[in-house]
N, C-alpha and C. Protein backbone atom coordinates (compact mmCIF):
# COMPACT_ATOMS: atom_id res chain seq x y z
N MET A 1 107.68 102.33 93.89
CA MET A 1 106.43 102.83 94.41
C MET A 1 105.30 102.59 93.42
N LYS A 2 105.61 102.74 92.12
CA LYS A 2 104.60 102.51 91.10
C LYS A 2 104.12 101.06 91.13
N LYS A 3 105.05 100.13 91.40
CA LYS A 3 104.70 98.72 91.47
C LYS A 3 103.74 98.45 92.64
N ASP A 4 104.00 99.09 93.77
CA ASP A 4 103.11 98.95 94.93
C ASP A 4 101.73 99.49 94.62
N ALA A 5 101.67 100.63 93.92
CA ALA A 5 100.38 101.22 93.54
C ALA A 5 99.63 100.31 92.57
N LEU A 6 100.37 99.70 91.65
CA LEU A 6 99.75 98.77 90.70
C LEU A 6 99.21 97.54 91.43
N ASN A 7 99.97 97.02 92.38
CA ASN A 7 99.49 95.87 93.16
C ASN A 7 98.21 96.21 93.91
N LEU A 8 98.15 97.39 94.48
CA LEU A 8 96.96 97.82 95.21
C LEU A 8 95.77 97.96 94.26
N LYS A 9 96.02 98.46 93.07
CA LYS A 9 94.97 98.58 92.05
C LYS A 9 94.47 97.21 91.61
N ILE A 10 95.37 96.24 91.49
CA ILE A 10 94.97 94.87 91.12
C ILE A 10 94.09 94.26 92.21
N ILE A 11 94.45 94.47 93.45
CA ILE A 11 93.63 93.98 94.57
C ILE A 11 92.25 94.62 94.52
N TYR A 12 92.21 95.91 94.23
CA TYR A 12 90.92 96.63 94.14
C TYR A 12 90.03 95.97 93.08
N PHE A 13 90.58 95.75 91.90
CA PHE A 13 89.76 95.18 90.83
C PHE A 13 89.39 93.72 91.11
N ALA A 14 90.24 92.99 91.81
CA ALA A 14 89.89 91.61 92.19
C ALA A 14 88.71 91.61 93.17
N ILE A 15 88.72 92.53 94.11
CA ILE A 15 87.61 92.63 95.06
C ILE A 15 86.33 93.02 94.32
N LEU A 16 86.44 93.97 93.40
CA LEU A 16 85.28 94.39 92.62
C LEU A 16 84.74 93.23 91.78
N ALA A 17 85.63 92.47 91.15
CA ALA A 17 85.19 91.33 90.34
C ALA A 17 84.51 90.28 91.20
N GLY A 18 85.01 90.06 92.40
CA GLY A 18 84.37 89.10 93.31
C GLY A 18 82.96 89.51 93.67
N GLN A 19 82.75 90.79 93.91
CA GLN A 19 81.40 91.27 94.22
C GLN A 19 80.47 91.08 93.03
N MET A 20 80.95 91.41 91.86
CA MET A 20 80.12 91.28 90.66
C MET A 20 79.81 89.81 90.37
N LEU A 21 80.77 88.94 90.58
CA LEU A 21 80.54 87.51 90.38
C LEU A 21 79.50 86.99 91.36
N PHE A 22 79.60 87.40 92.61
CA PHE A 22 78.63 86.98 93.62
C PHE A 22 77.24 87.48 93.26
N LEU A 23 77.14 88.72 92.78
CA LEU A 23 75.86 89.26 92.34
C LEU A 23 75.31 88.43 91.18
N GLY A 24 76.15 88.13 90.21
CA GLY A 24 75.70 87.36 89.06
C GLY A 24 75.18 85.99 89.44
N VAL A 25 75.88 85.33 90.34
CA VAL A 25 75.44 83.99 90.77
C VAL A 25 74.11 84.08 91.50
N LEU A 26 73.99 85.02 92.42
CA LEU A 26 72.75 85.11 93.20
C LEU A 26 71.57 85.61 92.39
N PHE A 27 71.82 86.58 91.52
CA PHE A 27 70.72 87.22 90.82
C PHE A 27 70.27 86.43 89.59
N PHE A 28 71.23 85.84 88.86
CA PHE A 28 70.88 85.20 87.61
C PHE A 28 70.84 83.68 87.68
N VAL A 29 71.61 83.08 88.57
CA VAL A 29 71.68 81.62 88.61
C VAL A 29 70.78 81.05 89.70
N ILE A 30 70.92 81.54 90.92
CA ILE A 30 70.16 81.02 92.05
C ILE A 30 69.05 82.02 92.37
N LYS A 31 67.83 81.57 92.30
CA LYS A 31 66.71 82.45 92.63
C LYS A 31 66.37 82.28 94.10
N PRO A 32 66.22 83.39 94.83
CA PRO A 32 65.86 83.28 96.24
C PRO A 32 64.50 82.59 96.41
N PRO A 33 64.43 81.64 97.33
CA PRO A 33 63.20 80.86 97.48
C PRO A 33 62.17 81.50 98.41
N TYR A 34 62.44 82.65 98.96
CA TYR A 34 61.59 83.20 100.02
C TYR A 34 60.86 84.44 99.56
N GLU A 35 59.84 84.77 100.31
CA GLU A 35 59.12 86.02 100.11
C GLU A 35 59.91 87.16 100.75
N PRO A 36 59.77 88.38 100.24
CA PRO A 36 60.49 89.51 100.84
C PRO A 36 60.15 89.66 102.33
N GLN A 37 61.18 89.92 103.12
CA GLN A 37 61.02 90.14 104.55
C GLN A 37 61.42 91.57 104.87
N THR A 38 60.55 92.26 105.57
CA THR A 38 60.82 93.68 105.83
C THR A 38 61.96 93.89 106.81
N ILE A 39 62.21 92.94 107.71
CA ILE A 39 63.28 93.13 108.68
C ILE A 39 64.64 93.23 107.98
N LEU A 40 64.86 92.39 106.97
CA LEU A 40 66.12 92.45 106.24
C LEU A 40 66.18 93.70 105.35
N ARG A 41 65.04 94.18 104.91
CA ARG A 41 64.98 95.42 104.12
C ARG A 41 65.44 96.61 104.97
N ILE A 42 65.17 96.54 106.26
CA ILE A 42 65.55 97.62 107.17
C ILE A 42 66.97 97.41 107.71
N LEU A 43 67.26 96.19 108.18
CA LEU A 43 68.56 95.91 108.78
C LEU A 43 69.71 95.97 107.77
N GLY A 44 69.49 95.47 106.58
CA GLY A 44 70.54 95.41 105.57
C GLY A 44 71.20 96.74 105.31
N PRO A 45 70.42 97.76 104.91
CA PRO A 45 71.05 99.05 104.64
C PRO A 45 71.66 99.70 105.88
N LEU A 46 71.04 99.52 107.04
CA LEU A 46 71.58 100.12 108.26
C LEU A 46 72.94 99.52 108.62
N ILE A 47 73.03 98.20 108.56
CA ILE A 47 74.31 97.55 108.87
C ILE A 47 75.36 97.92 107.82
N ALA A 48 74.95 97.91 106.55
CA ALA A 48 75.89 98.25 105.47
C ALA A 48 76.39 99.68 105.63
N LEU A 49 75.50 100.60 105.95
CA LEU A 49 75.91 101.99 106.14
C LEU A 49 76.89 102.12 107.30
N GLY A 50 76.61 101.39 108.38
CA GLY A 50 77.53 101.41 109.53
C GLY A 50 78.90 100.88 109.16
N LEU A 51 78.96 99.79 108.40
CA LEU A 51 80.24 99.23 107.98
C LEU A 51 81.00 100.19 107.08
N ILE A 52 80.29 100.85 106.18
CA ILE A 52 80.93 101.79 105.27
C ILE A 52 81.49 102.98 106.05
N ILE A 53 80.72 103.48 107.00
CA ILE A 53 81.19 104.61 107.82
C ILE A 53 82.43 104.20 108.61
N ILE A 54 82.42 103.01 109.19
CA ILE A 54 83.58 102.52 109.93
C ILE A 54 84.79 102.41 109.01
N GLY A 55 84.59 101.89 107.80
CA GLY A 55 85.68 101.76 106.84
C GLY A 55 86.31 103.10 106.49
N PHE A 56 85.48 104.11 106.25
CA PHE A 56 86.00 105.43 105.93
C PHE A 56 86.65 106.07 107.14
N TYR A 57 86.12 105.81 108.33
CA TYR A 57 86.72 106.35 109.55
C TYR A 57 88.12 105.76 109.77
N VAL A 58 88.23 104.44 109.60
CA VAL A 58 89.53 103.79 109.77
C VAL A 58 90.53 104.31 108.73
N TYR A 59 90.05 104.59 107.53
CA TYR A 59 90.92 105.15 106.49
C TYR A 59 91.45 106.52 106.90
N ARG A 60 90.63 107.31 107.57
CA ARG A 60 91.01 108.68 107.95
C ARG A 60 91.87 108.75 109.21
N LEU A 61 91.95 107.71 110.01
CA LEU A 61 92.73 107.75 111.25
C LEU A 61 94.19 108.14 111.03
N PRO A 62 94.91 107.51 110.10
CA PRO A 62 96.31 107.93 109.89
C PRO A 62 96.43 109.37 109.39
N LEU A 63 95.41 109.85 108.69
CA LEU A 63 95.47 111.22 108.18
C LEU A 63 95.38 112.23 109.32
N LYS A 64 94.63 111.91 110.37
CA LYS A 64 94.56 112.80 111.53
C LYS A 64 95.93 112.89 112.20
N LYS A 65 96.60 111.75 112.31
CA LYS A 65 97.94 111.73 112.89
C LYS A 65 98.91 112.54 112.02
N LEU A 66 98.75 112.41 110.70
CA LEU A 66 99.60 113.15 109.77
C LEU A 66 99.36 114.65 109.88
N ASP A 67 98.11 115.06 110.07
CA ASP A 67 97.82 116.48 110.24
C ASP A 67 98.57 117.05 111.44
N HIS A 68 98.59 116.27 112.51
CA HIS A 68 99.30 116.72 113.72
C HIS A 68 100.80 116.85 113.43
N LEU A 69 101.37 115.88 112.71
CA LEU A 69 102.80 115.94 112.37
C LEU A 69 103.10 117.11 111.44
N ARG A 70 102.20 117.39 110.51
CA ARG A 70 102.39 118.52 109.59
C ARG A 70 102.38 119.85 110.35
N GLN A 71 101.50 119.96 111.35
CA GLN A 71 101.46 121.19 112.14
C GLN A 71 102.77 121.40 112.89
N ILE A 72 103.31 120.33 113.46
CA ILE A 72 104.59 120.43 114.15
C ILE A 72 105.69 120.80 113.16
N GLU A 73 105.65 120.20 111.97
CA GLU A 73 106.66 120.48 110.95
C GLU A 73 106.58 121.94 110.51
N GLU A 74 105.35 122.46 110.36
CA GLU A 74 105.19 123.86 109.96
C GLU A 74 105.73 124.81 111.02
N GLN A 75 105.59 124.45 112.27
CA GLN A 75 106.12 125.30 113.33
C GLN A 75 107.65 125.31 113.32
N ASN A 76 108.26 124.20 112.90
CA ASN A 76 109.72 124.11 112.89
C ASN A 76 110.35 124.78 111.68
N ILE A 77 109.59 125.00 110.64
CA ILE A 77 110.14 125.63 109.44
C ILE A 77 110.04 127.14 109.60
N LEU A 78 111.18 127.81 109.52
CA LEU A 78 111.18 129.25 109.72
C LEU A 78 110.75 130.00 108.47
N ASP A 79 111.20 129.56 107.31
CA ASP A 79 110.78 130.23 106.09
C ASP A 79 109.56 129.52 105.52
N ASN A 80 108.98 130.07 104.46
CA ASN A 80 107.75 129.53 103.90
C ASN A 80 107.98 128.40 102.91
N GLU A 81 109.21 128.06 102.64
CA GLU A 81 109.50 127.03 101.65
C GLU A 81 109.65 125.68 102.35
N ALA A 82 108.73 124.77 102.09
CA ALA A 82 108.78 123.45 102.72
C ALA A 82 109.73 122.55 101.94
N LEU A 83 110.47 121.75 102.67
CA LEU A 83 111.38 120.80 102.04
C LEU A 83 110.63 119.53 101.68
N PRO A 84 110.98 118.89 100.55
CA PRO A 84 110.30 117.64 100.21
C PRO A 84 110.63 116.55 101.23
N LEU A 85 109.68 115.66 101.42
CA LEU A 85 109.89 114.55 102.35
C LEU A 85 110.94 113.60 101.77
N PRO A 86 111.73 112.97 102.64
CA PRO A 86 112.68 111.95 102.14
C PRO A 86 111.91 110.75 101.56
N GLU A 87 112.57 110.05 100.65
CA GLU A 87 111.93 108.93 99.98
C GLU A 87 111.49 107.84 100.96
N GLU A 88 112.29 107.60 102.01
CA GLU A 88 111.92 106.57 103.00
C GLU A 88 110.63 106.95 103.71
N GLU A 89 110.48 108.24 103.99
CA GLU A 89 109.26 108.72 104.67
C GLU A 89 108.04 108.56 103.77
N ILE A 90 108.21 108.82 102.48
CA ILE A 90 107.10 108.67 101.54
C ILE A 90 106.72 107.20 101.41
N LYS A 91 107.72 106.32 101.39
CA LYS A 91 107.42 104.88 101.32
C LYS A 91 106.67 104.42 102.57
N LYS A 92 107.05 104.96 103.72
CA LYS A 92 106.37 104.61 104.96
C LYS A 92 104.91 105.10 104.92
N LEU A 93 104.73 106.32 104.41
CA LEU A 93 103.38 106.86 104.27
C LEU A 93 102.56 106.04 103.29
N PHE A 94 103.20 105.58 102.19
CA PHE A 94 102.46 104.77 101.23
C PHE A 94 102.06 103.42 101.84
N GLY A 95 102.90 102.86 102.69
CA GLY A 95 102.53 101.64 103.38
C GLY A 95 101.30 101.84 104.26
N THR A 96 101.25 102.98 104.94
CA THR A 96 100.07 103.32 105.75
C THR A 96 98.86 103.49 104.86
N TYR A 97 99.04 104.18 103.73
CA TYR A 97 97.94 104.38 102.77
C TYR A 97 97.43 103.04 102.26
N ARG A 98 98.34 102.14 101.92
CA ARG A 98 97.94 100.82 101.41
C ARG A 98 97.13 100.06 102.45
N ALA A 99 97.60 100.04 103.69
CA ALA A 99 96.89 99.31 104.74
C ALA A 99 95.51 99.91 105.01
N SER A 100 95.44 101.23 105.11
CA SER A 100 94.15 101.85 105.40
C SER A 100 93.20 101.74 104.20
N SER A 101 93.74 101.78 102.99
CA SER A 101 92.91 101.60 101.79
C SER A 101 92.33 100.19 101.74
N LEU A 102 93.15 99.20 102.07
CA LEU A 102 92.67 97.82 102.07
C LEU A 102 91.57 97.62 103.11
N VAL A 103 91.74 98.21 104.27
CA VAL A 103 90.69 98.08 105.30
C VAL A 103 89.40 98.73 104.80
N ARG A 104 89.51 99.91 104.22
CA ARG A 104 88.31 100.60 103.72
C ARG A 104 87.65 99.79 102.60
N MET A 105 88.44 99.28 101.66
CA MET A 105 87.87 98.49 100.57
C MET A 105 87.19 97.24 101.10
N CYS A 106 87.81 96.59 102.06
CA CYS A 106 87.23 95.35 102.61
C CYS A 106 85.96 95.61 103.40
N MET A 107 85.90 96.72 104.10
CA MET A 107 84.67 97.05 104.84
C MET A 107 83.51 97.33 103.87
N VAL A 108 83.79 98.06 102.80
CA VAL A 108 82.74 98.33 101.81
C VAL A 108 82.36 97.04 101.11
N GLU A 109 83.34 96.20 100.80
CA GLU A 109 83.04 94.92 100.16
C GLU A 109 82.18 94.05 101.08
N PHE A 110 82.53 93.99 102.35
CA PHE A 110 81.75 93.19 103.29
C PHE A 110 80.32 93.69 103.37
N ALA A 111 80.13 95.00 103.37
CA ALA A 111 78.78 95.57 103.39
C ALA A 111 78.01 95.13 102.14
N ASN A 112 78.66 95.18 100.99
CA ASN A 112 78.01 94.79 99.74
C ASN A 112 77.67 93.30 99.72
N LEU A 113 78.60 92.47 100.15
CA LEU A 113 78.33 91.03 100.16
C LEU A 113 77.24 90.68 101.17
N MET A 114 77.19 91.41 102.27
CA MET A 114 76.14 91.19 103.25
C MET A 114 74.77 91.54 102.64
N LEU A 115 74.72 92.64 101.88
CA LEU A 115 73.47 93.00 101.22
C LEU A 115 73.04 91.93 100.23
N LEU A 116 73.99 91.34 99.51
CA LEU A 116 73.64 90.26 98.58
C LEU A 116 73.17 89.01 99.33
N ALA A 117 73.80 88.71 100.46
CA ALA A 117 73.35 87.57 101.26
C ALA A 117 71.94 87.81 101.79
N PHE A 118 71.66 89.03 102.23
CA PHE A 118 70.31 89.37 102.69
C PHE A 118 69.32 89.27 101.53
N TYR A 119 69.75 89.66 100.34
CA TYR A 119 68.88 89.52 99.16
C TYR A 119 68.55 88.04 98.95
N TYR A 120 69.55 87.18 99.06
CA TYR A 120 69.31 85.75 98.87
C TYR A 120 68.35 85.21 99.93
N MET A 121 68.51 85.68 101.16
CA MET A 121 67.64 85.18 102.23
C MET A 121 66.22 85.72 102.13
N SER A 122 66.07 86.94 101.58
CA SER A 122 64.74 87.55 101.60
C SER A 122 64.07 87.61 100.23
N GLY A 123 64.85 87.68 99.17
CA GLY A 123 64.28 87.83 97.84
C GLY A 123 63.83 89.26 97.54
N ASP A 124 64.20 90.22 98.38
CA ASP A 124 63.78 91.61 98.23
C ASP A 124 64.72 92.33 97.26
N HIS A 125 64.19 92.75 96.13
CA HIS A 125 65.00 93.40 95.10
C HIS A 125 65.49 94.78 95.50
N LEU A 126 64.91 95.37 96.52
CA LEU A 126 65.40 96.66 97.02
C LEU A 126 66.83 96.52 97.54
N LEU A 127 67.18 95.34 98.04
CA LEU A 127 68.54 95.11 98.53
C LEU A 127 69.56 95.14 97.38
N ILE A 128 69.12 94.77 96.18
CA ILE A 128 70.00 94.88 95.01
C ILE A 128 70.26 96.35 94.70
N PHE A 129 69.26 97.19 94.88
CA PHE A 129 69.44 98.62 94.70
C PHE A 129 70.47 99.15 95.70
N TYR A 130 70.34 98.74 96.96
CA TYR A 130 71.31 99.16 97.97
C TYR A 130 72.71 98.64 97.64
N PHE A 131 72.77 97.42 97.10
CA PHE A 131 74.06 96.87 96.67
C PHE A 131 74.67 97.75 95.58
N THR A 132 73.84 98.22 94.65
CA THR A 132 74.32 99.08 93.58
C THR A 132 74.87 100.39 94.15
N LEU A 133 74.18 100.94 95.15
CA LEU A 133 74.71 102.13 95.81
C LEU A 133 76.04 101.82 96.48
N GLY A 134 76.15 100.63 97.07
CA GLY A 134 77.41 100.21 97.68
C GLY A 134 78.52 100.09 96.66
N LEU A 135 78.19 99.64 95.45
CA LEU A 135 79.20 99.57 94.40
C LEU A 135 79.68 100.97 94.00
N VAL A 136 78.77 101.92 93.99
CA VAL A 136 79.16 103.31 93.70
C VAL A 136 80.13 103.80 94.78
N VAL A 137 79.81 103.51 96.03
CA VAL A 137 80.72 103.89 97.12
C VAL A 137 82.05 103.17 96.96
N PHE A 138 82.01 101.89 96.60
CA PHE A 138 83.24 101.14 96.38
C PHE A 138 84.06 101.77 95.26
N GLY A 139 83.39 102.29 94.25
CA GLY A 139 84.08 102.97 93.16
C GLY A 139 84.86 104.18 93.62
N THR A 140 84.40 104.82 94.68
CA THR A 140 85.12 105.99 95.19
C THR A 140 86.37 105.61 95.97
N THR A 141 86.54 104.33 96.28
CA THR A 141 87.70 103.91 97.06
C THR A 141 88.86 103.46 96.19
N ALA A 142 88.76 103.64 94.88
CA ALA A 142 89.81 103.19 93.97
C ALA A 142 91.15 103.84 94.33
N PRO A 143 92.15 103.03 94.62
CA PRO A 143 93.45 103.60 95.01
C PRO A 143 94.24 104.10 93.79
N SER A 144 95.00 105.16 94.01
CA SER A 144 95.87 105.68 92.96
C SER A 144 96.95 106.54 93.61
N ILE A 145 98.00 106.77 92.87
CA ILE A 145 99.08 107.63 93.38
C ILE A 145 98.56 109.05 93.57
N ARG A 146 97.71 109.49 92.66
CA ARG A 146 97.15 110.85 92.79
C ARG A 146 96.31 110.97 94.06
N GLN A 147 95.49 109.94 94.35
CA GLN A 147 94.68 109.95 95.57
C GLN A 147 95.57 109.93 96.80
N PHE A 148 96.62 109.13 96.76
CA PHE A 148 97.58 109.09 97.87
C PHE A 148 98.19 110.47 98.10
N ALA A 149 98.63 111.11 97.01
CA ALA A 149 99.25 112.43 97.13
C ALA A 149 98.27 113.47 97.66
N ARG A 150 97.02 113.37 97.23
CA ARG A 150 96.01 114.33 97.68
C ARG A 150 95.68 114.12 99.15
N ASP A 151 95.45 112.88 99.55
CA ASP A 151 95.06 112.59 100.94
C ASP A 151 96.19 112.87 101.92
N TYR A 152 97.42 112.60 101.51
CA TYR A 152 98.56 112.79 102.41
C TYR A 152 99.26 114.12 102.20
N GLU A 153 98.61 114.98 101.41
CA GLU A 153 99.07 116.35 101.18
C GLU A 153 100.54 116.42 100.76
N LEU A 154 100.89 115.61 99.79
CA LEU A 154 102.25 115.66 99.25
C LEU A 154 102.37 116.85 98.31
N THR A 155 103.55 117.38 98.21
CA THR A 155 103.78 118.49 97.29
C THR A 155 103.82 117.95 95.86
N LEU A 156 103.75 118.85 94.91
CA LEU A 156 103.79 118.46 93.50
C LEU A 156 105.11 117.78 93.16
N VAL A 157 106.18 118.23 93.76
CA VAL A 157 107.51 117.62 93.55
C VAL A 157 107.50 116.17 94.04
N GLU A 158 106.94 115.95 95.22
CA GLU A 158 106.88 114.60 95.78
C GLU A 158 105.99 113.69 94.95
N GLU A 159 104.86 114.22 94.46
CA GLU A 159 103.96 113.42 93.64
C GLU A 159 104.61 113.04 92.31
N ARG A 160 105.32 113.98 91.71
CA ARG A 160 106.01 113.67 90.45
C ARG A 160 107.10 112.64 90.63
N ALA A 161 107.76 112.67 91.79
CA ALA A 161 108.78 111.67 92.09
C ALA A 161 108.15 110.29 92.19
N LEU A 162 106.94 110.21 92.74
CA LEU A 162 106.23 108.94 92.84
C LEU A 162 105.84 108.44 91.45
N GLN A 163 105.41 109.34 90.58
CA GLN A 163 104.99 108.96 89.23
C GLN A 163 106.17 108.39 88.42
N ARG A 164 107.39 108.88 88.70
CA ARG A 164 108.58 108.43 87.97
C ARG A 164 109.04 107.05 88.41
N ASP A 165 108.91 106.74 89.69
CA ASP A 165 109.46 105.46 90.21
C ASP A 165 108.78 104.27 89.63
């Protein structure tokens, strides 16, 4: 499980490096040849915000399904002591986490790259500011075992088992 988490973290940093490289090329190497256009100043952030919201929504979809399963599980448990999930179930949940995390990261990345493309087309430096805000949002999507355990409401015992593997 630790290896899968490391692979996901490597993908995260590769996507981040790609965004930074694209920014460096556009901002420092290629100068936009156009005057600022207000339509891209308005459309860019709106489209980017929509993409980011969709990315976070898609990330939360499996969690809603999990909430429903947890409620059913709580009804079936007679005493207050919950049993740890089997390892196969945790691996299945981590696969869901990995897929939804990748979708969320890619949606935020697409929003950021779109803002940079709009910057290149318009030359409006305000779009670089919006890109910076997008990078902050991208920073919040960093995958980790702790984030997985928190989002999927794993017990401390289950989280420690993940840390050991």
